[in-house]
């Protein structure tokens, strides 16, 4: 990783220029497939930023959500917008970003959760995250709705709450992708 420094900051501590750098990085990493709703999901929590000097090369954030599982509403740190600039991948930057996020999760939440792209599943598994095996749902304005298309992409990091990964997991509502 060389001289890469990982810094964490709450969204409220980031100035407009830094937020614009993050958005530009994520637009590049996700090849233009980061919607305004996806960007909004990454805000309001703690960001881990990977800096190589003055260059931003990686980002991850964690925001608070509620997950319903086994009759309980769990205070969940939901990981969003994890990405490393293409020319800096496979150097350990993503793992370092997730280590910083895991420190936040461990200190503040009952459960960590995220939705992973197909190609990222092995990465999260190697970091100790567990693929959710049971059915997923979303608590929507119309009631609880099954989110079958998300079943294979949800990962959790149990912290203080006991979970049965073969059971049902329901996320709270938000615009855009609910998971």
C-alpha atoms as a PDB file:
ATOM      1  CA  UNK A   1       0.000   0.000   0.000  1.00  0.00           C
ATOM      2  CA  UNK A   2       3.007   2.279   0.248  1.00  0.00           C
ATOM      3  CA  UNK A   3       2.321   5.703   1.684  1.00  0.00           C
ATOM      4  CA  UNK A   4      -1.458   5.348   1.630  1.00  0.00           C
ATOM      5  CA  UNK A   5      -3.153   6.832   4.680  1.00  0.00           C
ATOM      6  CA  UNK A   6      -6.644   5.824   5.791  1.00  0.00           C
ATOM      7  CA  UNK A   7      -8.575   8.624   7.498  1.00  0.00           C
ATOM      8  CA  UNK A   8     -12.077   8.488   8.930  1.00  0.00           C
ATOM      9  CA  UNK A   9     -14.467  11.427   9.108  1.00  0.00           C
ATOM     10  CA  UNK A  10     -18.167  11.949   9.578  1.00  0.00           C
ATOM     11  CA  UNK A  11     -20.010  13.420   6.588  1.00  0.00           C
ATOM     12  CA  UNK A  12     -20.523  16.630   8.614  1.00  0.00           C
ATOM     13  CA  UNK A  13     -16.733  17.052   8.821  1.00  0.00           C
ATOM     14  CA  UNK A  14     -16.152  16.842   5.063  1.00  0.00           C
ATOM     15  CA  UNK A  15     -16.115  20.010   3.011  1.00  0.00           C
ATOM     16  CA  UNK A  16     -17.757  20.382  -0.388  1.00  0.00           C
ATOM     17  CA  UNK A  17     -14.499  19.857  -2.274  1.00  0.00           C
ATOM     18  CA  UNK A  18     -13.815  16.547  -0.509  1.00  0.00           C
ATOM     19  CA  UNK A  19     -17.379  15.353  -1.077  1.00  0.00           C
ATOM     20  CA  UNK A  20     -16.988  16.222  -4.777  1.00  0.00           C
ATOM     21  CA  UNK A  21     -13.730  14.203  -4.897  1.00  0.00           C
ATOM     22  CA  UNK A  22     -15.476  11.232  -3.299  1.00  0.00           C
ATOM     23  CA  UNK A  23     -18.385  11.410  -5.735  1.00  0.00           C
ATOM     24  CA  UNK A  24     -16.006  11.671  -8.726  1.00  0.00           C
ATOM     25  CA  UNK A  25     -14.005   8.681  -7.465  1.00  0.00           C
ATOM     26  CA  UNK A  26     -17.150   6.603  -6.986  1.00  0.00           C
ATOM     27  CA  UNK A  27     -18.522   7.606 -10.402  1.00  0.00           C
ATOM     28  CA  UNK A  28     -15.260   6.338 -11.893  1.00  0.00           C
ATOM     29  CA  UNK A  29     -15.084   3.152  -9.789  1.00  0.00           C
ATOM     30  CA  UNK A  30     -18.702   2.235 -10.551  1.00  0.00           C
ATOM     31  CA  UNK A  31     -18.300   3.245 -14.207  1.00  0.00           C
ATOM     32  CA  UNK A  32     -21.139   5.766 -14.148  1.00  0.00           C
ATOM     33  CA  UNK A  33     -23.545   3.349 -12.440  1.00  0.00           C
ATOM     34  CA  UNK A  34     -23.716   5.270  -9.135  1.00  0.00           C
ATOM     35  CA  UNK A  35     -27.143   6.901  -9.010  1.00  0.00           C
ATOM     36  CA  UNK A  36     -27.983   9.996  -6.985  1.00  0.00           C
ATOM     37  CA  UNK A  37     -29.870   7.697  -4.572  1.00  0.00           C
ATOM     38  CA  UNK A  38     -26.763   5.498  -4.217  1.00  0.00           C
ATOM     39  CA  UNK A  39     -24.707   8.603  -3.427  1.00  0.00           C
ATOM     40  CA  UNK A  40     -27.285   9.731  -0.886  1.00  0.00           C
ATOM     41  CA  UNK A  41     -27.096   6.306   0.803  1.00  0.00           C
ATOM     42  CA  UNK A  42     -23.356   6.811   1.393  1.00  0.00           C
ATOM     43  CA  UNK A  43     -23.884  10.087   3.313  1.00  0.00           C
ATOM     44  CA  UNK A  44     -24.735  10.823   6.931  1.00  0.00           C
ATOM     45  CA  UNK A  45     -22.323   8.460   8.608  1.00  0.00           C
ATOM     46  CA  UNK A  46     -18.620   7.776   8.860  1.00  0.00           C
ATOM     47  CA  UNK A  47     -16.391   7.694   5.784  1.00  0.00           C
ATOM     48  CA  UNK A  48     -13.078   5.888   5.484  1.00  0.00           C
ATOM     49  CA  UNK A  49     -10.923   7.644   2.899  1.00  0.00           C
ATOM     50  CA  UNK A  50      -7.713   6.283   1.384  1.00  0.00           C
ATOM     51  CA  UNK A  51      -5.279   9.050   0.491  1.00  0.00           C
ATOM     52  CA  UNK A  52      -1.992   8.729  -1.374  1.00  0.00           C
ATOM     53  CA  UNK A  53      -0.623  12.182  -0.730  1.00  0.00           C
ATOM     54  CA  UNK A  54      -3.258  14.567  -2.080  1.00  0.00           C
ATOM     55  CA  UNK A  55      -4.919  11.896  -4.258  1.00  0.00           C
ATOM     56  CA  UNK A  56      -8.073  10.160  -3.076  1.00  0.00           C
ATOM     57  CA  UNK A  57      -7.782   6.525  -4.167  1.00  0.00           C
ATOM     58  CA  UNK A  58     -10.430   4.738  -2.112  1.00  0.00           C
ATOM     59  CA  UNK A  59     -13.629   5.176  -0.121  1.00  0.00           C
ATOM     60  CA  UNK A  60     -16.056   3.274   2.095  1.00  0.00           C
ATOM     61  CA  UNK A  61     -18.765   4.539   4.422  1.00  0.00           C
ATOM     62  CA  UNK A  62     -21.046   3.206   7.118  1.00  0.00           C
ATOM     63  CA  UNK A  63     -24.482   4.612   7.937  1.00  0.00           C
ATOM     64  CA  UNK A  64     -27.011   3.596  10.566  1.00  0.00           C
ATOM     65  CA  UNK A  65     -30.012   1.538   9.545  1.00  0.00           C
ATOM     66  CA  UNK A  66     -32.458  -0.817  11.258  1.00  0.00           C
ATOM     67  CA  UNK A  67     -32.658  -4.472  10.318  1.00  0.00           C
ATOM     68  CA  UNK A  68     -35.488  -6.649  11.594  1.00  0.00           C
ATOM     69  CA  UNK A  69     -34.475 -10.173  12.539  1.00  0.00           C
ATOM     70  CA  UNK A  70     -35.983 -12.755  14.844  1.00  0.00           C
ATOM     71  CA  UNK A  71     -38.460 -10.293  16.347  1.00  0.00           C
ATOM     72  CA  UNK A  72     -35.866  -7.580  17.033  1.00  0.00           C
ATOM     73  CA  UNK A  73     -34.941  -4.273  15.417  1.00  0.00           C
ATOM     74  CA  UNK A  74     -31.149  -4.327  15.253  1.00  0.00           C
ATOM     75  CA  UNK A  75     -29.020  -1.160  15.225  1.00  0.00           C
ATOM     76  CA  UNK A  76     -27.092  -1.880  12.078  1.00  0.00           C
ATOM     77  CA  UNK A  77     -24.066  -0.244  10.544  1.00  0.00           C
ATOM     78  CA  UNK A  78     -24.707  -0.524   6.831  1.00  0.00           C
ATOM     79  CA  UNK A  79     -21.630  -0.335   4.612  1.00  0.00           C
ATOM     80  CA  UNK A  80     -21.959   1.715   1.435  1.00  0.00           C
ATOM     81  CA  UNK A  81     -19.947   2.891  -1.551  1.00  0.00           C
ATOM     82  CA  UNK A  82     -16.830   0.766  -1.143  1.00  0.00           C
ATOM     83  CA  UNK A  83     -14.455   1.360  -4.001  1.00  0.00           C
ATOM     84  CA  UNK A  84     -10.800   1.711  -4.931  1.00  0.00           C
ATOM     85  CA  UNK A  85      -9.483   3.474  -8.008  1.00  0.00           C
ATOM     86  CA  UNK A  86      -8.880   0.940 -10.781  1.00  0.00           C
ATOM     87  CA  UNK A  87      -5.116   1.406 -11.030  1.00  0.00           C
ATOM     88  CA  UNK A  88      -4.702   0.941  -7.244  1.00  0.00           C
ATOM     89  CA  UNK A  89      -6.639  -2.292  -6.750  1.00  0.00           C
ATOM     90  CA  UNK A  90      -5.064  -5.420  -5.300  1.00  0.00           C
ATOM     91  CA  UNK A  91      -2.668  -3.427  -3.106  1.00  0.00           C
ATOM     92  CA  UNK A  92      -4.574  -3.917   0.168  1.00  0.00           C
ATOM     93  CA  UNK A  93      -6.375  -0.584   0.091  1.00  0.00           C
ATOM     94  CA  UNK A  94      -9.866  -2.127   0.102  1.00  0.00           C
ATOM     95  CA  UNK A  95      -8.994  -4.327   3.077  1.00  0.00           C
ATOM     96  CA  UNK A  96      -7.544  -1.308   4.925  1.00  0.00           C
ATOM     97  CA  UNK A  97     -10.718   0.695   4.248  1.00  0.00           C
ATOM     98  CA  UNK A  98     -12.856  -2.168   5.539  1.00  0.00           C
ATOM     99  CA  UNK A  99     -10.635  -2.513   8.634  1.00  0.00           C
ATOM    100  CA  UNK A 100     -11.342   1.143   9.451  1.00  0.00           C
ATOM    101  CA  UNK A 101     -15.069   0.613   8.850  1.00  0.00           C
ATOM    102  CA  UNK A 102     -15.022  -2.520  11.024  1.00  0.00           C
ATOM    103  CA  UNK A 103     -13.562  -0.495  13.922  1.00  0.00           C
ATOM    104  CA  UNK A 104     -16.530   1.882  13.613  1.00  0.00           C
ATOM    105  CA  UNK A 105     -18.979  -1.016  13.400  1.00  0.00           C
ATOM    106  CA  UNK A 106     -17.503  -2.782  16.424  1.00  0.00           C
ATOM    107  CA  UNK A 107     -17.723   0.328  18.561  1.00  0.00           C
ATOM    108  CA  UNK A 108     -21.228   1.423  17.644  1.00  0.00           C
ATOM    109  CA  UNK A 109     -23.487  -1.286  16.222  1.00  0.00           C
ATOM    110  CA  UNK A 110     -25.110  -4.639  16.959  1.00  0.00           C
ATOM    111  CA  UNK A 111     -24.735  -5.849  13.386  1.00  0.00           C
ATOM    112  CA  UNK A 112     -22.824  -4.912  10.276  1.00  0.00           C
ATOM    113  CA  UNK A 113     -24.525  -5.446   6.910  1.00  0.00           C
ATOM    114  CA  UNK A 114     -23.902  -4.702   3.246  1.00  0.00           C
ATOM    115  CA  UNK A 115     -25.006  -5.634  -0.227  1.00  0.00           C
ATOM    116  CA  UNK A 116     -22.174  -6.879  -2.407  1.00  0.00           C
ATOM    117  CA  UNK A 117     -21.826  -7.050  -6.153  1.00  0.00           C
ATOM    118  CA  UNK A 118     -21.319 -10.623  -7.398  1.00  0.00           C
ATOM    119  CA  UNK A 119     -17.593 -10.120  -7.960  1.00  0.00           C
ATOM    120  CA  UNK A 120     -17.035  -8.759  -4.412  1.00  0.00           C
ATOM    121  CA  UNK A 121     -18.448 -11.685  -2.441  1.00  0.00           C
ATOM    122  CA  UNK A 122     -15.102 -13.448  -2.016  1.00  0.00           C
ATOM    123  CA  UNK A 123     -13.495 -10.196  -0.834  1.00  0.00           C
ATOM    124  CA  UNK A 124     -16.044  -9.720   1.964  1.00  0.00           C
ATOM    125  CA  UNK A 125     -15.971 -13.397   2.931  1.00  0.00           C
ATOM    126  CA  UNK A 126     -12.180 -13.231   3.276  1.00  0.00           C
ATOM    127  CA  UNK A 127     -12.645 -10.315   5.699  1.00  0.00           C
ATOM    128  CA  UNK A 128     -14.936 -12.365   7.958  1.00  0.00           C
ATOM    129  CA  UNK A 129     -18.325 -11.307   6.604  1.00  0.00           C
ATOM    130  CA  UNK A 130     -20.992 -14.001   6.218  1.00  0.00           C
ATOM    131  CA  UNK A 131     -23.340 -14.305   3.268  1.00  0.00           C
ATOM    132  CA  UNK A 132     -26.972 -14.188   4.451  1.00  0.00           C
ATOM    133  CA  UNK A 133     -28.580 -17.553   3.650  1.00  0.00           C
ATOM    134  CA  UNK A 134     -32.212 -16.804   4.485  1.00  0.00           C
ATOM    135  CA  UNK A 135     -34.823 -14.731   2.671  1.00  0.00           C
ATOM    136  CA  UNK A 136     -34.559 -10.943   2.538  1.00  0.00           C
ATOM    137  CA  UNK A 137     -37.334  -8.379   2.783  1.00  0.00           C
ATOM    138  CA  UNK A 138     -37.821  -4.616   2.917  1.00  0.00           C
ATOM    139  CA  UNK A 139     -40.184  -2.694   5.152  1.00  0.00           C
ATOM    140  CA  UNK A 140     -41.801  -0.424   2.551  1.00  0.00           C
ATOM    141  CA  UNK A 141     -44.636   2.136   2.643  1.00  0.00           C
ATOM    142  CA  UNK A 142     -46.819  -0.708   1.287  1.00  0.00           C
ATOM    143  CA  UNK A 143     -45.752  -3.098   4.058  1.00  0.00           C
ATOM    144  CA  UNK A 144     -43.151  -5.860   4.155  1.00  0.00           C
ATOM    145  CA  UNK A 145     -42.084  -6.834   0.626  1.00  0.00           C
ATOM    146  CA  UNK A 146     -39.925  -9.796  -0.383  1.00  0.00           C
ATOM    147  CA  UNK A 147     -36.615  -8.808  -2.038  1.00  0.00           C
ATOM    148  CA  UNK A 148     -35.720 -12.132  -3.588  1.00  0.00           C
ATOM    149  CA  UNK A 149     -33.364 -10.541  -6.136  1.00  0.00           C
ATOM    150  CA  UNK A 150     -31.118  -9.438  -3.246  1.00  0.00           C
ATOM    151  CA  UNK A 151     -30.947 -12.780  -1.410  1.00  0.00           C
ATOM    152  CA  UNK A 152     -27.496 -13.823  -2.630  1.00  0.00           C
ATOM    153  CA  UNK A 153     -25.836 -10.436  -2.217  1.00  0.00           C
ATOM    154  CA  UNK A 154     -26.437  -9.567   1.441  1.00  0.00           C
ATOM    155  CA  UNK A 155     -23.539 -10.067   3.863  1.00  0.00           C
ATOM    156  CA  UNK A 156     -23.521  -9.571   7.622  1.00  0.00           C
ATOM    157  CA  UNK A 157     -20.944  -9.145  10.340  1.00  0.00           C
ATOM    158  CA  UNK A 158     -22.562 -10.220  13.621  1.00  0.00           C
ATOM    159  CA  UNK A 159     -21.247  -8.070  16.467  1.00  0.00           C
ATOM    160  CA  UNK A 160     -23.292  -8.080  19.686  1.00  0.00           C
ATOM    161  CA  UNK A 161     -26.607  -9.436  18.371  1.00  0.00           C
ATOM    162  CA  UNK A 162     -27.053 -13.162  17.864  1.00  0.00           C
ATOM    163  CA  UNK A 163     -28.291 -13.876  14.350  1.00  0.00           C
ATOM    164  CA  UNK A 164     -29.431 -16.939  12.476  1.00  0.00           C
ATOM    165  CA  UNK A 165     -28.221 -16.368   8.909  1.00  0.00           C
ATOM    166  CA  UNK A 166     -30.763 -18.890   7.644  1.00  0.00           C
ATOM    167  CA  UNK A 167     -33.641 -16.806   9.030  1.00  0.00           C
ATOM    168  CA  UNK A 168     -35.425 -13.821   7.516  1.00  0.00           C
ATOM    169  CA  UNK A 169     -33.769 -10.389   7.409  1.00  0.00           C
ATOM    170  CA  UNK A 170     -35.763  -7.219   6.725  1.00  0.00           C
ATOM    171  CA  UNK A 171     -34.191  -3.847   5.985  1.00  0.00           C
ATOM    172  CA  UNK A 172     -35.725  -0.450   6.598  1.00  0.00           C
ATOM    173  CA  UNK A 173     -37.093   1.618   3.693  1.00  0.00           C
ATOM    174  CA  UNK A 174     -35.142   4.102   1.598  1.00  0.00           C
ATOM    175  CA  UNK A 175     -35.371   5.520  -1.903  1.00  0.00           C
ATOM    176  CA  UNK A 176     -33.476   3.709  -4.653  1.00  0.00           C
ATOM    177  CA  UNK A 177     -31.997   0.313  -3.938  1.00  0.00           C
ATOM    178  CA  UNK A 178     -33.243  -0.797  -0.538  1.00  0.00           C
ATOM    179  CA  UNK A 179     -30.299  -3.167  -0.029  1.00  0.00           C
END
